[in-house]
Amino acid sequence: MPFVRIDAIGTGKLESLGNAVHDAMVETLGIPDDDRFQVLNGQNTLKYDDYLGIHRDEGVVFVAITMRQGRTDEQKKALYRRIAELAEEYAGTEPRNVLVTITENNPVDWSIGNGEAQYA
C-alpha cells in the first residue's frame, strides 16, 4: 500500500500525474490496481536548483512515495524510469522535471483504517 504525495505548480496536470505514478507502480512493483492512496497538491511555487546538472523549470514535479520495505534496487530504478515516461506521456512533463523519492517502513507502521495495524 504505497502512499503518494505529488507536488506540482498549478493544478492542471495533477490528475494525469497521479495516474502516471499509479500506473507505473502497478506495472513495476505489482501493486493492486485498486491500491491508490494519493495526495495531489497544486502549489504557487516550488523551490529547486539544477542539482547534478539537471536543469529544471516551472514544470518540475516532486513525487514522494512511502511504502513498505522489500523492493529491490532494480524495481525502484524501473519505477523511476516508468514514472518519468508516463508523466511525459500523460501530462507532458519532461523527464528532467520529475524528482522521485521513496521512503520505506515496516508493516506495523501502517493503519489502513479502523485504528488497526492490518499488516502487523
C-alpha atoms as a PDB file:
ATOM      1  CA  MET A   1       0.000   0.000   0.000  1.00  0.00           C
ATOM      2  CA  PRO A   2       2.126   2.880  -1.159  1.00  0.00           C
ATOM      3  CA  PHE A   3       1.134   6.367  -0.040  1.00  0.00           C
ATOM      4  CA  VAL A   4       1.964   9.003  -2.651  1.00  0.00           C
ATOM      5  CA  ARG A   5       2.259  12.771  -2.411  1.00  0.00           C
ATOM      6  CA  ILE A   6       2.674  14.756  -5.629  1.00  0.00           C
ATOM      7  CA  ASP A   7       3.513  18.466  -5.635  1.00  0.00           C
ATOM      8  CA  ALA A   8       3.459  20.490  -8.854  1.00  0.00           C
ATOM      9  CA  ILE A   9       2.994  24.128  -9.794  1.00  0.00           C
ATOM     10  CA  GLY A  10      -0.692  24.675 -10.581  1.00  0.00           C
ATOM     11  CA  THR A  11      -3.413  22.062 -10.670  1.00  0.00           C
ATOM     12  CA  GLY A  12      -3.894  21.390 -14.375  1.00  0.00           C
ATOM     13  CA  LYS A  13      -1.730  18.279 -14.604  1.00  0.00           C
ATOM     14  CA  LEU A  14      -2.209  16.760 -11.138  1.00  0.00           C
ATOM     15  CA  GLU A  15      -4.804  14.147 -12.078  1.00  0.00           C
ATOM     16  CA  SER A  16      -2.697  12.992 -15.044  1.00  0.00           C
ATOM     17  CA  LEU A  17       0.448  12.894 -12.891  1.00  0.00           C
ATOM     18  CA  GLY A  18      -1.380  10.875 -10.235  1.00  0.00           C
ATOM     19  CA  ASN A  19      -2.469   8.405 -12.901  1.00  0.00           C
ATOM     20  CA  ALA A  20       1.081   8.188 -14.267  1.00  0.00           C
ATOM     21  CA  VAL A  21       2.573   7.408 -10.842  1.00  0.00           C
ATOM     22  CA  HIS A  22      -0.144   4.881 -10.020  1.00  0.00           C
ATOM     23  CA  ASP A  23       0.143   3.068 -13.360  1.00  0.00           C
ATOM     24  CA  ALA A  24       3.942   2.958 -13.004  1.00  0.00           C
ATOM     25  CA  MET A  25       3.645   1.376  -9.534  1.00  0.00           C
ATOM     26  CA  VAL A  26       1.146  -1.203 -10.813  1.00  0.00           C
ATOM     27  CA  GLU A  27       3.457  -2.096 -13.719  1.00  0.00           C
ATOM     28  CA  THR A  28       6.841  -2.129 -11.939  1.00  0.00           C
ATOM     29  CA  LEU A  29       6.008  -3.041  -8.335  1.00  0.00           C
ATOM     30  CA  GLY A  30       2.940  -5.191  -8.890  1.00  0.00           C
ATOM     31  CA  ILE A  31       0.686  -3.258  -6.524  1.00  0.00           C
ATOM     32  CA  PRO A  32      -3.033  -3.972  -6.925  1.00  0.00           C
ATOM     33  CA  ASP A  33      -4.858  -1.667  -9.327  1.00  0.00           C
ATOM     34  CA  ASP A  34      -7.285  -0.549  -6.588  1.00  0.00           C
ATOM     35  CA  ASP A  35      -4.459   0.292  -4.133  1.00  0.00           C
ATOM     36  CA  ARG A  36      -4.407   4.055  -4.699  1.00  0.00           C
ATOM     37  CA  PHE A  37      -3.735   6.497  -1.866  1.00  0.00           C
ATOM     38  CA  GLN A  38      -2.535   9.868  -3.162  1.00  0.00           C
ATOM     39  CA  VAL A  39      -2.369  13.474  -2.058  1.00  0.00           C
ATOM     40  CA  LEU A  40      -2.177  15.811  -5.058  1.00  0.00           C
ATOM     41  CA  ASN A  41      -1.025  19.353  -4.267  1.00  0.00           C
ATOM     42  CA  GLY A  42      -1.043  22.288  -6.634  1.00  0.00           C
ATOM     43  CA  GLN A  43       1.467  24.877  -5.481  1.00  0.00           C
ATOM     44  CA  ASN A  44       2.069  28.509  -6.398  1.00  0.00           C
ATOM     45  CA  THR A  45       5.828  27.998  -6.219  1.00  0.00           C
ATOM     46  CA  LEU A  46       8.290  25.185  -5.720  1.00  0.00           C
ATOM     47  CA  LYS A  47      11.980  25.726  -4.978  1.00  0.00           C
ATOM     48  CA  TYR A  48      14.566  23.800  -6.998  1.00  0.00           C
ATOM     49  CA  ASP A  49      18.036  24.186  -8.449  1.00  0.00           C
ATOM     50  CA  ASP A  50      19.973  22.493 -11.239  1.00  0.00           C
ATOM     51  CA  TYR A  51      21.434  19.911  -8.851  1.00  0.00           C
ATOM     52  CA  LEU A  52      23.605  17.232 -10.513  1.00  0.00           C
ATOM     53  CA  GLY A  53      23.480  19.265 -13.726  1.00  0.00           C
ATOM     54  CA  ILE A  54      19.796  18.562 -14.353  1.00  0.00           C
ATOM     55  CA  HIS A  55      18.064  21.766 -15.445  1.00  0.00           C
ATOM     56  CA  ARG A  56      14.547  22.079 -14.062  1.00  0.00           C
ATOM     57  CA  ASP A  57      11.891  24.678 -14.803  1.00  0.00           C
ATOM     58  CA  GLU A  58       8.304  25.540 -13.812  1.00  0.00           C
ATOM     59  CA  GLY A  59       7.247  22.078 -14.976  1.00  0.00           C
ATOM     60  CA  VAL A  60       9.014  20.472 -12.001  1.00  0.00           C
ATOM     61  CA  VAL A  61       7.121  17.739 -10.142  1.00  0.00           C
ATOM     62  CA  PHE A  62       8.032  16.309  -6.737  1.00  0.00           C
ATOM     63  CA  VAL A  63       6.803  12.752  -6.095  1.00  0.00           C
ATOM     64  CA  ALA A  64       7.198  11.314  -2.585  1.00  0.00           C
ATOM     65  CA  ILE A  65       6.323   7.641  -2.153  1.00  0.00           C
ATOM     66  CA  THR A  66       6.075   5.948   1.236  1.00  0.00           C
ATOM     67  CA  MET A  67       5.844   2.163   1.088  1.00  0.00           C
ATOM     68  CA  ARG A  68       6.725  -0.993   2.957  1.00  0.00           C
ATOM     69  CA  GLN A  69      10.300  -2.157   2.545  1.00  0.00           C
ATOM     70  CA  GLY A  70      11.194  -5.104   0.365  1.00  0.00           C
ATOM     71  CA  ARG A  71      11.516  -3.852  -3.203  1.00  0.00           C
ATOM     72  CA  THR A  72      14.804  -4.437  -4.986  1.00  0.00           C
ATOM     73  CA  ASP A  73      17.050  -1.703  -6.340  1.00  0.00           C
ATOM     74  CA  GLU A  74      16.141  -2.889  -9.847  1.00  0.00           C
ATOM     75  CA  GLN A  75      12.419  -2.491  -9.126  1.00  0.00           C
ATOM     76  CA  LYS A  76      12.973   1.023  -7.793  1.00  0.00           C
ATOM     77  CA  LYS A  77      15.046   2.013 -10.826  1.00  0.00           C
ATOM     78  CA  ALA A  78      12.349   0.625 -13.122  1.00  0.00           C
ATOM     79  CA  LEU A  79       9.754   2.599 -11.161  1.00  0.00           C
ATOM     80  CA  TYR A  80      11.668   5.890 -11.510  1.00  0.00           C
ATOM     81  CA  ARG A  81      12.077   5.322 -15.241  1.00  0.00           C
ATOM     82  CA  ARG A  82       8.426   4.393 -15.767  1.00  0.00           C
ATOM     83  CA  ILE A  83       7.119   7.336 -13.735  1.00  0.00           C
ATOM     84  CA  ALA A  84       9.201   9.701 -15.895  1.00  0.00           C
ATOM     85  CA  GLU A  85       7.958   8.043 -19.095  1.00  0.00           C
ATOM     86  CA  LEU A  86       4.307   8.106 -18.102  1.00  0.00           C
ATOM     87  CA  ALA A  87       4.484  11.643 -16.673  1.00  0.00           C
ATOM     88  CA  GLU A  88       5.634  12.775 -20.102  1.00  0.00           C
ATOM     89  CA  GLU A  89       3.031  10.660 -21.920  1.00  0.00           C
ATOM     90  CA  TYR A  90       0.057  11.535 -19.686  1.00  0.00           C
ATOM     91  CA  ALA A  91       0.872  15.114 -18.625  1.00  0.00           C
ATOM     92  CA  GLY A  92       3.548  16.406 -20.991  1.00  0.00           C
ATOM     93  CA  THR A  93       6.030  16.685 -18.111  1.00  0.00           C
ATOM     94  CA  GLU A  94       9.611  16.383 -19.286  1.00  0.00           C
ATOM     95  CA  PRO A  95      11.515  13.548 -17.555  1.00  0.00           C
ATOM     96  CA  ARG A  96      14.182  16.015 -16.345  1.00  0.00           C
ATOM     97  CA  ASN A  97      11.480  17.720 -14.274  1.00  0.00           C
ATOM     98  CA  VAL A  98      10.400  14.593 -12.376  1.00  0.00           C
ATOM     99  CA  LEU A  99      12.014  14.172  -8.946  1.00  0.00           C
ATOM    100  CA  VAL A 100      11.011  10.985  -7.073  1.00  0.00           C
ATOM    101  CA  THR A 101      11.826   9.938  -3.524  1.00  0.00           C
ATOM    102  CA  ILE A 102      10.984   6.674  -1.782  1.00  0.00           C
ATOM    103  CA  THR A 103      10.720   6.245   1.972  1.00  0.00           C
ATOM    104  CA  GLU A 104      10.388   2.682   3.229  1.00  0.00           C
ATOM    105  CA  ASN A 105       8.997   1.445   6.508  1.00  0.00           C
ATOM    106  CA  ASN A 106       7.778  -1.717   8.223  1.00  0.00           C
ATOM    107  CA  PRO A 107       4.360  -3.411   8.129  1.00  0.00           C
ATOM    108  CA  VAL A 108       3.495  -2.266  11.664  1.00  0.00           C
ATOM    109  CA  ASP A 109       3.898   1.359  10.528  1.00  0.00           C
ATOM    110  CA  TRP A 110       0.573   1.270   8.654  1.00  0.00           C
ATOM    111  CA  SER A 111      -3.016   1.598   9.774  1.00  0.00           C
ATOM    112  CA  ILE A 112      -5.338   1.415   6.797  1.00  0.00           C
ATOM    113  CA  GLY A 113      -8.366   2.264   8.928  1.00  0.00           C
ATOM    114  CA  ASN A 114     -10.422   1.310  11.958  1.00  0.00           C
ATOM    115  CA  GLY A 115      -7.476   2.023  14.279  1.00  0.00           C
ATOM    116  CA  GLU A 116      -5.875  -1.327  13.388  1.00  0.00           C
ATOM    117  CA  ALA A 117      -2.435  -2.295  12.131  1.00  0.00           C
ATOM    118  CA  GLN A 118      -3.674  -4.550   9.336  1.00  0.00           C
ATOM    119  CA  TYR A 119      -0.205  -5.643   8.180  1.00  0.00           C
ATOM    120  CA  ALA A 120       1.264  -6.306  11.639  1.00  0.00           C
END
